[in-house]
């Protein structure tokens, strides 16, 4: 367990957080040192103080004994904010410039929505694939580290806030009114396979035509980003596309075996090993 004996001796805030991070890694396989420290530490300090814990040592003990606190910790750490069609022009570009040609190839498609949060992103992809009439020949994987948000994604029930950028035609075709909320139609729910996955620790699947990982990399250290971009590139087929968020432009894609295909879209170089 967490060594609390130092709490009565000289025990700095830095040491407190460092031991907290070490114990979290040991007990959950989540490596907080791979996230931007100031940003993550500030966020978790706010959460700790909200519940009245004076040190991370005391907060850790509570986390290990309270499932509700653990879920809240994971939710705060992973910043689960998602919407359908976030940055709509990017999704239109994905459909016209990349998914369209992929659909026309006639081949079975393999697509991965990494760090998918509550499911808005993979369901948006599924809508585009269905509109292109290729959903039935696509393997669509959606992963996240947080089992809580994966459960919500499988439920596929969303509020008005998540829906504000959905084009009217897609909204009427792919959503069913459910009280004050909206439910994804079963056809799309069946098309997405949700699975727990830790980007920093777990092996990556391979041979993907498209990987979508948006608005996640900004929370990681530069060292962690380098490793992840290398792994994403290896997970793509030659010619496959990586789609990142609007604040996550890769400034030297060649070092990862990628090339810019459009802004925020990167293609794996065919000759890259």
C-alpha atoms as a PDB file:
ATOM      1  CA  UNK A   1       0.000   0.000   0.000  1.00  0.00           C
ATOM      2  CA  UNK A   2       0.838   3.673  -0.153  1.00  0.00           C
ATOM      3  CA  UNK A   3       3.482   4.593   2.488  1.00  0.00           C
ATOM      4  CA  UNK A   4       1.731   7.058   4.775  1.00  0.00           C
ATOM      5  CA  UNK A   5       4.459   7.189   7.422  1.00  0.00           C
ATOM      6  CA  UNK A   6       6.087  10.176   5.778  1.00  0.00           C
ATOM      7  CA  UNK A   7       2.928  12.216   6.092  1.00  0.00           C
ATOM      8  CA  UNK A   8       3.991  13.117   9.618  1.00  0.00           C
ATOM      9  CA  UNK A   9       7.579  13.872   8.626  1.00  0.00           C
ATOM     10  CA  UNK A  10       8.966  16.136   5.923  1.00  0.00           C
ATOM     11  CA  UNK A  11       6.815  15.299   3.000  1.00  0.00           C
ATOM     12  CA  UNK A  12       6.719  17.685   0.070  1.00  0.00           C
ATOM     13  CA  UNK A  13       3.876  18.072  -2.383  1.00  0.00           C
ATOM     14  CA  UNK A  14       6.172  16.881  -5.190  1.00  0.00           C
ATOM     15  CA  UNK A  15       6.987  13.671  -3.323  1.00  0.00           C
ATOM     16  CA  UNK A  16       3.325  13.181  -2.510  1.00  0.00           C
ATOM     17  CA  UNK A  17       2.308  13.383  -6.154  1.00  0.00           C
ATOM     18  CA  UNK A  18       5.285  11.317  -7.354  1.00  0.00           C
ATOM     19  CA  UNK A  19       4.400   8.422  -5.044  1.00  0.00           C
ATOM     20  CA  UNK A  20       0.745   8.741  -6.020  1.00  0.00           C
ATOM     21  CA  UNK A  21       1.714   8.431  -9.701  1.00  0.00           C
ATOM     22  CA  UNK A  22       3.900   5.398  -8.935  1.00  0.00           C
ATOM     23  CA  UNK A  23       1.123   3.620  -7.044  1.00  0.00           C
ATOM     24  CA  UNK A  24      -1.459   4.422  -9.716  1.00  0.00           C
ATOM     25  CA  UNK A  25       0.820   2.854 -12.326  1.00  0.00           C
ATOM     26  CA  UNK A  26       1.353  -0.210 -10.144  1.00  0.00           C
ATOM     27  CA  UNK A  27      -2.327  -0.746  -9.413  1.00  0.00           C
ATOM     28  CA  UNK A  28      -3.974   0.337 -12.692  1.00  0.00           C
ATOM     29  CA  UNK A  29      -1.215   0.304 -15.384  1.00  0.00           C
ATOM     30  CA  UNK A  30      -1.970   3.988 -16.032  1.00  0.00           C
ATOM     31  CA  UNK A  31       1.278   5.933 -16.337  1.00  0.00           C
ATOM     32  CA  UNK A  32       0.638   9.525 -15.251  1.00  0.00           C
ATOM     33  CA  UNK A  33       4.245  10.463 -16.081  1.00  0.00           C
ATOM     34  CA  UNK A  34       3.370  10.177 -19.778  1.00  0.00           C
ATOM     35  CA  UNK A  35       0.860  13.022 -19.442  1.00  0.00           C
ATOM     36  CA  UNK A  36       1.787  16.702 -19.251  1.00  0.00           C
ATOM     37  CA  UNK A  37       2.547  16.973 -15.545  1.00  0.00           C
ATOM     38  CA  UNK A  38       1.389  20.496 -14.726  1.00  0.00           C
ATOM     39  CA  UNK A  39      -1.895  20.035 -16.551  1.00  0.00           C
ATOM     40  CA  UNK A  40      -2.632  16.596 -15.096  1.00  0.00           C
ATOM     41  CA  UNK A  41      -1.484  17.469 -11.581  1.00  0.00           C
ATOM     42  CA  UNK A  42      -3.629  20.610 -11.507  1.00  0.00           C
ATOM     43  CA  UNK A  43      -6.676  18.667 -12.669  1.00  0.00           C
ATOM     44  CA  UNK A  44      -6.210  15.890 -10.111  1.00  0.00           C
ATOM     45  CA  UNK A  45      -5.431  18.319  -7.290  1.00  0.00           C
ATOM     46  CA  UNK A  46      -8.766  20.020  -7.939  1.00  0.00           C
ATOM     47  CA  UNK A  47     -10.497  16.637  -7.847  1.00  0.00           C
ATOM     48  CA  UNK A  48      -8.692  15.576  -4.648  1.00  0.00           C
ATOM     49  CA  UNK A  49      -9.550  18.814  -2.844  1.00  0.00           C
ATOM     50  CA  UNK A  50     -13.168  18.597  -3.973  1.00  0.00           C
ATOM     51  CA  UNK A  51     -13.504  15.507  -1.769  1.00  0.00           C
ATOM     52  CA  UNK A  52     -11.574  17.018   1.133  1.00  0.00           C
ATOM     53  CA  UNK A  53      -8.392  14.941   0.920  1.00  0.00           C
ATOM     54  CA  UNK A  54      -5.378  16.937   2.117  1.00  0.00           C
ATOM     55  CA  UNK A  55      -2.778  14.761   0.385  1.00  0.00           C
ATOM     56  CA  UNK A  56      -2.561  12.459  -2.616  1.00  0.00           C
ATOM     57  CA  UNK A  57      -1.620   9.696  -0.161  1.00  0.00           C
ATOM     58  CA  UNK A  58      -5.040   9.914   1.477  1.00  0.00           C
ATOM     59  CA  UNK A  59      -6.750  10.307  -1.896  1.00  0.00           C
ATOM     60  CA  UNK A  60      -5.067   7.144  -3.200  1.00  0.00           C
ATOM     61  CA  UNK A  61      -6.297   5.080  -0.239  1.00  0.00           C
ATOM     62  CA  UNK A  62      -9.827   6.331  -0.881  1.00  0.00           C
ATOM     63  CA  UNK A  63      -9.578   5.486  -4.593  1.00  0.00           C
ATOM     64  CA  UNK A  64      -8.592   1.910  -3.802  1.00  0.00           C
ATOM     65  CA  UNK A  65     -11.646   1.481  -1.568  1.00  0.00           C
ATOM     66  CA  UNK A  66     -14.341   3.382  -3.479  1.00  0.00           C
ATOM     67  CA  UNK A  67     -15.359   2.384  -7.017  1.00  0.00           C
ATOM     68  CA  UNK A  68     -17.257   5.624  -7.505  1.00  0.00           C
ATOM     69  CA  UNK A  69     -14.128   7.681  -6.787  1.00  0.00           C
ATOM     70  CA  UNK A  70     -12.088   5.473  -9.146  1.00  0.00           C
ATOM     71  CA  UNK A  71     -14.552   6.025 -11.988  1.00  0.00           C
ATOM     72  CA  UNK A  72     -14.514   9.769 -11.350  1.00  0.00           C
ATOM     73  CA  UNK A  73     -10.698   9.807 -11.286  1.00  0.00           C
ATOM     74  CA  UNK A  74     -10.476   7.975 -14.598  1.00  0.00           C
ATOM     75  CA  UNK A  75     -13.109  10.199 -16.179  1.00  0.00           C
ATOM     76  CA  UNK A  76     -11.268  13.351 -15.101  1.00  0.00           C
ATOM     77  CA  UNK A  77      -7.922  11.988 -16.224  1.00  0.00           C
ATOM     78  CA  UNK A  78      -9.109  11.063 -19.700  1.00  0.00           C
ATOM     79  CA  UNK A  79     -11.178  14.222 -20.367  1.00  0.00           C
ATOM     80  CA  UNK A  80     -14.210  12.544 -21.879  1.00  0.00           C
ATOM     81  CA  UNK A  81     -15.612  15.354 -23.984  1.00  0.00           C
ATOM     82  CA  UNK A  82     -16.985  14.237 -27.323  1.00  0.00           C
ATOM     83  CA  UNK A  83     -19.570  15.267 -29.901  1.00  0.00           C
ATOM     84  CA  UNK A  84     -20.884  13.939 -33.185  1.00  0.00           C
ATOM     85  CA  UNK A  85     -19.334  15.633 -36.204  1.00  0.00           C
ATOM     86  CA  UNK A  86     -16.876  17.654 -34.100  1.00  0.00           C
ATOM     87  CA  UNK A  87     -15.327  20.122 -36.589  1.00  0.00           C
ATOM     88  CA  UNK A  88     -17.841  19.216 -39.341  1.00  0.00           C
ATOM     89  CA  UNK A  89     -15.658  20.318 -42.252  1.00  0.00           C
ATOM     90  CA  UNK A  90     -13.053  17.730 -41.256  1.00  0.00           C
ATOM     91  CA  UNK A  91     -15.631  14.945 -41.430  1.00  0.00           C
ATOM     92  CA  UNK A  92     -16.779  16.111 -44.849  1.00  0.00           C
ATOM     93  CA  UNK A  93     -13.159  16.022 -45.980  1.00  0.00           C
ATOM     94  CA  UNK A  94     -12.764  12.525 -44.554  1.00  0.00           C
ATOM     95  CA  UNK A  95     -15.790  11.335 -46.516  1.00  0.00           C
ATOM     96  CA  UNK A  96     -14.940  12.983 -49.832  1.00  0.00           C
ATOM     97  CA  UNK A  97     -11.165  12.687 -49.894  1.00  0.00           C
ATOM     98  CA  UNK A  98     -10.518   9.384 -48.136  1.00  0.00           C
ATOM     99  CA  UNK A  99     -13.537   7.211 -47.328  1.00  0.00           C
ATOM    100  CA  UNK A 100     -14.987   7.651 -50.798  1.00  0.00           C
ATOM    101  CA  UNK A 101     -11.934   6.198 -52.586  1.00  0.00           C
ATOM    102  CA  UNK A 102     -11.630   3.473 -49.954  1.00  0.00           C
ATOM    103  CA  UNK A 103     -15.250   2.508 -50.556  1.00  0.00           C
ATOM    104  CA  UNK A 104     -14.737   2.496 -54.321  1.00  0.00           C
ATOM    105  CA  UNK A 105     -11.834   0.041 -54.018  1.00  0.00           C
ATOM    106  CA  UNK A 106     -14.236  -2.807 -53.231  1.00  0.00           C
ATOM    107  CA  UNK A 107     -11.959  -4.163 -50.509  1.00  0.00           C
ATOM    108  CA  UNK A 108     -12.998  -4.887 -46.940  1.00  0.00           C
ATOM    109  CA  UNK A 109     -12.146  -1.884 -44.757  1.00  0.00           C
ATOM    110  CA  UNK A 110     -10.526  -1.924 -41.330  1.00  0.00           C
ATOM    111  CA  UNK A 111     -11.014   1.217 -39.224  1.00  0.00           C
ATOM    112  CA  UNK A 112      -9.978   2.022 -35.656  1.00  0.00           C
ATOM    113  CA  UNK A 113     -11.373   4.854 -33.513  1.00  0.00           C
ATOM    114  CA  UNK A 114      -8.738   5.170 -30.750  1.00  0.00           C
ATOM    115  CA  UNK A 115      -9.615   6.844 -27.434  1.00  0.00           C
ATOM    116  CA  UNK A 116     -13.245   6.879 -28.554  1.00  0.00           C
ATOM    117  CA  UNK A 117     -14.717   8.173 -25.272  1.00  0.00           C
ATOM    118  CA  UNK A 118     -18.530   7.826 -25.172  1.00  0.00           C
ATOM    119  CA  UNK A 119     -18.831   6.701 -28.786  1.00  0.00           C
ATOM    120  CA  UNK A 120     -19.757   9.801 -30.769  1.00  0.00           C
ATOM    121  CA  UNK A 121     -16.700   9.474 -32.979  1.00  0.00           C
ATOM    122  CA  UNK A 122     -17.044   5.820 -34.059  1.00  0.00           C
ATOM    123  CA  UNK A 123     -20.782   6.244 -34.600  1.00  0.00           C
ATOM    124  CA  UNK A 124     -20.067   9.270 -36.802  1.00  0.00           C
ATOM    125  CA  UNK A 125     -17.703   7.086 -38.821  1.00  0.00           C
ATOM    126  CA  UNK A 126     -20.379   4.385 -39.029  1.00  0.00           C
ATOM    127  CA  UNK A 127     -22.889   6.905 -40.408  1.00  0.00           C
ATOM    128  CA  UNK A 128     -20.468   7.959 -43.130  1.00  0.00           C
ATOM    129  CA  UNK A 129     -19.728   4.342 -44.012  1.00  0.00           C
ATOM    130  CA  UNK A 130     -23.415   3.495 -44.209  1.00  0.00           C
ATOM    131  CA  UNK A 131     -24.053   6.525 -46.416  1.00  0.00           C
ATOM    132  CA  UNK A 132     -21.328   5.182 -48.718  1.00  0.00           C
ATOM    133  CA  UNK A 133     -22.969   1.712 -48.575  1.00  0.00           C
ATOM    134  CA  UNK A 134     -19.865  -0.009 -47.206  1.00  0.00           C
ATOM    135  CA  UNK A 135     -20.743  -0.426 -43.523  1.00  0.00           C
ATOM    136  CA  UNK A 136     -21.462  -4.121 -44.035  1.00  0.00           C
ATOM    137  CA  UNK A 137     -17.934  -4.730 -45.336  1.00  0.00           C
ATOM    138  CA  UNK A 138     -16.122  -2.693 -42.686  1.00  0.00           C
ATOM    139  CA  UNK A 139     -14.552  -3.840 -39.439  1.00  0.00           C
ATOM    140  CA  UNK A 140     -14.957  -0.871 -37.068  1.00  0.00           C
ATOM    141  CA  UNK A 141     -13.071  -1.050 -33.759  1.00  0.00           C
ATOM    142  CA  UNK A 142     -13.499   1.603 -31.047  1.00  0.00           C
ATOM    143  CA  UNK A 143     -11.273   1.623 -27.949  1.00  0.00           C
ATOM    144  CA  UNK A 144     -10.797   3.577 -24.752  1.00  0.00           C
ATOM    145  CA  UNK A 145      -9.012   3.121 -21.431  1.00  0.00           C
ATOM    146  CA  UNK A 146     -12.147   3.955 -19.428  1.00  0.00           C
ATOM    147  CA  UNK A 147     -14.640   1.099 -19.014  1.00  0.00           C
ATOM    148  CA  UNK A 148     -17.242   3.568 -17.762  1.00  0.00           C
ATOM    149  CA  UNK A 149     -17.341   5.541 -21.008  1.00  0.00           C
ATOM    150  CA  UNK A 150     -17.267   2.338 -23.057  1.00  0.00           C
ATOM    151  CA  UNK A 151     -20.425   1.231 -21.240  1.00  0.00           C
ATOM    152  CA  UNK A 152     -22.061   4.537 -22.165  1.00  0.00           C
ATOM    153  CA  UNK A 153     -20.928   4.136 -25.762  1.00  0.00           C
ATOM    154  CA  UNK A 154     -22.572   0.720 -25.946  1.00  0.00           C
ATOM    155  CA  UNK A 155     -25.803   2.179 -24.559  1.00  0.00           C
ATOM    156  CA  UNK A 156     -25.682   4.704 -27.426  1.00  0.00           C
ATOM    157  CA  UNK A 157     -28.008   7.280 -25.846  1.00  0.00           C
ATOM    158  CA  UNK A 158     -27.074  10.949 -26.262  1.00  0.00           C
ATOM    159  CA  UNK A 159     -28.222  14.416 -25.239  1.00  0.00           C
ATOM    160  CA  UNK A 160     -28.928  17.435 -27.430  1.00  0.00           C
ATOM    161  CA  UNK A 161     -25.476  18.811 -26.641  1.00  0.00           C
ATOM    162  CA  UNK A 162     -23.755  15.939 -28.460  1.00  0.00           C
ATOM    163  CA  UNK A 163     -26.099  16.308 -31.432  1.00  0.00           C
ATOM    164  CA  UNK A 164     -25.704  19.960 -32.379  1.00  0.00           C
ATOM    165  CA  UNK A 165     -23.489  19.404 -35.450  1.00  0.00           C
ATOM    166  CA  UNK A 166     -25.234  16.318 -36.842  1.00  0.00           C
ATOM    167  CA  UNK A 167     -26.575  17.117 -40.359  1.00  0.00           C
ATOM    168  CA  UNK A 168     -30.397  16.968 -40.400  1.00  0.00           C
ATOM    169  CA  UNK A 169     -30.528  14.079 -42.874  1.00  0.00           C
ATOM    170  CA  UNK A 170     -28.232  11.955 -40.711  1.00  0.00           C
ATOM    171  CA  UNK A 171     -30.104  12.885 -37.550  1.00  0.00           C
ATOM    172  CA  UNK A 172     -33.436  11.708 -38.933  1.00  0.00           C
ATOM    173  CA  UNK A 173     -31.985   8.505 -40.385  1.00  0.00           C
ATOM    174  CA  UNK A 174     -29.673   7.304 -37.612  1.00  0.00           C
ATOM    175  CA  UNK A 175     -31.274   8.498 -34.360  1.00  0.00           C
ATOM    176  CA  UNK A 176     -34.494   7.619 -32.536  1.00  0.00           C
ATOM    177  CA  UNK A 177     -36.017  10.043 -30.062  1.00  0.00           C
ATOM    178  CA  UNK A 178     -35.853   8.583 -26.539  1.00  0.00           C
ATOM    179  CA  UNK A 179     -37.557  10.973 -24.120  1.00  0.00           C
ATOM    180  CA  UNK A 180     -35.290  14.008 -23.897  1.00  0.00           C
ATOM    181  CA  UNK A 181     -32.439  12.099 -25.503  1.00  0.00           C
ATOM    182  CA  UNK A 182     -31.553  10.374 -28.772  1.00  0.00           C
ATOM    183  CA  UNK A 183     -30.690   6.717 -29.329  1.00  0.00           C
ATOM    184  CA  UNK A 184     -28.478   5.410 -32.138  1.00  0.00           C
ATOM    185  CA  UNK A 185     -30.254   2.948 -34.434  1.00  0.00           C
ATOM    186  CA  UNK A 186     -29.412  -0.711 -33.929  1.00  0.00           C
ATOM    187  CA  UNK A 187     -27.758  -1.052 -37.318  1.00  0.00           C
ATOM    188  CA  UNK A 188     -24.966   1.299 -36.250  1.00  0.00           C
ATOM    189  CA  UNK A 189     -24.738  -0.094 -32.720  1.00  0.00           C
ATOM    190  CA  UNK A 190     -24.109  -3.564 -34.107  1.00  0.00           C
ATOM    191  CA  UNK A 191     -21.457  -2.277 -36.488  1.00  0.00           C
ATOM    192  CA  UNK A 192     -19.071  -0.935 -33.816  1.00  0.00           C
ATOM    193  CA  UNK A 193     -16.965  -3.241 -31.639  1.00  0.00           C
ATOM    194  CA  UNK A 194     -15.998  -1.536 -28.378  1.00  0.00           C
ATOM    195  CA  UNK A 195     -12.955  -2.705 -26.449  1.00  0.00           C
ATOM    196  CA  UNK A 196     -10.812  -1.503 -23.543  1.00  0.00           C
ATOM    197  CA  UNK A 197      -7.334  -0.383 -24.617  1.00  0.00           C
ATOM    198  CA  UNK A 198      -4.509   1.594 -22.998  1.00  0.00           C
ATOM    199  CA  UNK A 199      -2.688   3.595 -25.692  1.00  0.00           C
ATOM    200  CA  UNK A 200       0.437   3.909 -23.576  1.00  0.00           C
ATOM    201  CA  UNK A 201       0.714   0.267 -22.563  1.00  0.00           C
ATOM    202  CA  UNK A 202      -1.213  -2.174 -24.749  1.00  0.00           C
ATOM    203  CA  UNK A 203      -0.102  -3.552 -28.140  1.00  0.00           C
ATOM    204  CA  UNK A 204      -1.628  -1.833 -31.160  1.00  0.00           C
ATOM    205  CA  UNK A 205      -3.776  -3.687 -33.691  1.00  0.00           C
ATOM    206  CA  UNK A 206      -2.386  -3.645 -37.241  1.00  0.00           C
ATOM    207  CA  UNK A 207      -3.208  -3.302 -40.929  1.00  0.00           C
ATOM    208  CA  UNK A 208      -5.757  -0.508 -40.660  1.00  0.00           C
ATOM    209  CA  UNK A 209      -7.001   1.552 -43.591  1.00  0.00           C
ATOM    210  CA  UNK A 210      -7.959   4.408 -41.264  1.00  0.00           C
ATOM    211  CA  UNK A 211      -7.128   5.294 -37.669  1.00  0.00           C
ATOM    212  CA  UNK A 212      -8.955   8.194 -36.023  1.00  0.00           C
ATOM    213  CA  UNK A 213      -7.397   9.569 -32.822  1.00  0.00           C
ATOM    214  CA  UNK A 214      -8.500  13.137 -32.156  1.00  0.00           C
ATOM    215  CA  UNK A 215      -8.058  15.573 -29.270  1.00  0.00           C
ATOM    216  CA  UNK A 216      -6.164  13.069 -27.125  1.00  0.00           C
ATOM    217  CA  UNK A 217      -2.474  13.531 -27.960  1.00  0.00           C
ATOM    218  CA  UNK A 218      -2.515  17.092 -26.592  1.00  0.00           C
ATOM    219  CA  UNK A 219      -2.559  15.676 -23.052  1.00  0.00           C
ATOM    220  CA  UNK A 220       0.623  13.617 -23.463  1.00  0.00           C
ATOM    221  CA  UNK A 221       4.267  14.617 -23.091  1.00  0.00           C
ATOM    222  CA  UNK A 222       6.341  15.115 -26.234  1.00  0.00           C
ATOM    223  CA  UNK A 223       8.201  11.874 -25.541  1.00  0.00           C
ATOM    224  CA  UNK A 224       4.941   9.957 -25.253  1.00  0.00           C
ATOM    225  CA  UNK A 225       3.642  11.516 -28.481  1.00  0.00           C
ATOM    226  CA  UNK A 226       6.710  10.398 -30.417  1.00  0.00           C
ATOM    227  CA  UNK A 227       6.221   6.812 -29.304  1.00  0.00           C
ATOM    228  CA  UNK A 228       2.504   6.878 -30.076  1.00  0.00           C
ATOM    229  CA  UNK A 229       2.918   8.328 -33.563  1.00  0.00           C
ATOM    230  CA  UNK A 230       5.438   5.596 -34.380  1.00  0.00           C
ATOM    231  CA  UNK A 231       2.957   2.964 -33.165  1.00  0.00           C
ATOM    232  CA  UNK A 232       0.044   4.498 -35.057  1.00  0.00           C
ATOM    233  CA  UNK A 233       2.111   4.542 -38.261  1.00  0.00           C
ATOM    234  CA  UNK A 234       3.009   0.861 -37.851  1.00  0.00           C
ATOM    235  CA  UNK A 235      -0.651   0.048 -37.215  1.00  0.00           C
ATOM    236  CA  UNK A 236      -1.628   1.431 -40.634  1.00  0.00           C
ATOM    237  CA  UNK A 237      -1.481  -0.400 -43.922  1.00  0.00           C
ATOM    238  CA  UNK A 238       0.843   1.206 -46.468  1.00  0.00           C
ATOM    239  CA  UNK A 239      -1.228   4.087 -47.787  1.00  0.00           C
ATOM    240  CA  UNK A 240      -3.490   4.040 -44.709  1.00  0.00           C
ATOM    241  CA  UNK A 241      -4.661   7.307 -43.138  1.00  0.00           C
ATOM    242  CA  UNK A 242      -4.239   8.727 -39.605  1.00  0.00           C
ATOM    243  CA  UNK A 243      -6.807  11.428 -38.754  1.00  0.00           C
ATOM    244  CA  UNK A 244      -5.870  13.647 -35.782  1.00  0.00           C
ATOM    245  CA  UNK A 245      -7.475  16.554 -33.933  1.00  0.00           C
ATOM    246  CA  UNK A 246      -7.465  20.223 -34.876  1.00  0.00           C
ATOM    247  CA  UNK A 247      -4.751  21.088 -32.339  1.00  0.00           C
ATOM    248  CA  UNK A 248      -2.568  18.075 -33.072  1.00  0.00           C
ATOM    249  CA  UNK A 249      -0.792  18.821 -36.327  1.00  0.00           C
ATOM    250  CA  UNK A 250       2.303  16.635 -36.849  1.00  0.00           C
ATOM    251  CA  UNK A 251       5.120  18.955 -37.875  1.00  0.00           C
ATOM    252  CA  UNK A 252       7.621  16.331 -39.034  1.00  0.00           C
ATOM    253  CA  UNK A 253       5.524  13.361 -40.183  1.00  0.00           C
ATOM    254  CA  UNK A 254       8.379  11.825 -42.176  1.00  0.00           C
ATOM    255  CA  UNK A 255      10.163  10.718 -39.015  1.00  0.00           C
ATOM    256  CA  UNK A 256       7.236   8.364 -38.361  1.00  0.00           C
ATOM    257  CA  UNK A 257       6.954   7.071 -41.911  1.00  0.00           C
ATOM    258  CA  UNK A 258       3.996   9.355 -42.601  1.00  0.00           C
ATOM    259  CA  UNK A 259       3.307  12.124 -45.089  1.00  0.00           C
ATOM    260  CA  UNK A 260       0.742  14.908 -45.008  1.00  0.00           C
ATOM    261  CA  UNK A 261      -2.305  14.000 -47.100  1.00  0.00           C
ATOM    262  CA  UNK A 262      -4.424  16.992 -46.023  1.00  0.00           C
ATOM    263  CA  UNK A 263      -4.314  19.207 -42.952  1.00  0.00           C
ATOM    264  CA  UNK A 264      -4.722  16.850 -39.955  1.00  0.00           C
ATOM    265  CA  UNK A 265      -4.670  13.782 -42.214  1.00  0.00           C
ATOM    266  CA  UNK A 266      -1.480  11.719 -42.586  1.00  0.00           C
ATOM    267  CA  UNK A 267      -0.789   8.828 -44.928  1.00  0.00           C
ATOM    268  CA  UNK A 268       1.581   5.961 -44.174  1.00  0.00           C
ATOM    269  CA  UNK A 269       4.372   5.989 -46.737  1.00  0.00           C
ATOM    270  CA  UNK A 270       4.125   2.780 -48.719  1.00  0.00           C
ATOM    271  CA  UNK A 271       7.878   2.071 -48.676  1.00  0.00           C
ATOM    272  CA  UNK A 272       8.252   2.634 -44.917  1.00  0.00           C
ATOM    273  CA  UNK A 273       9.145  -0.522 -43.010  1.00  0.00           C
END
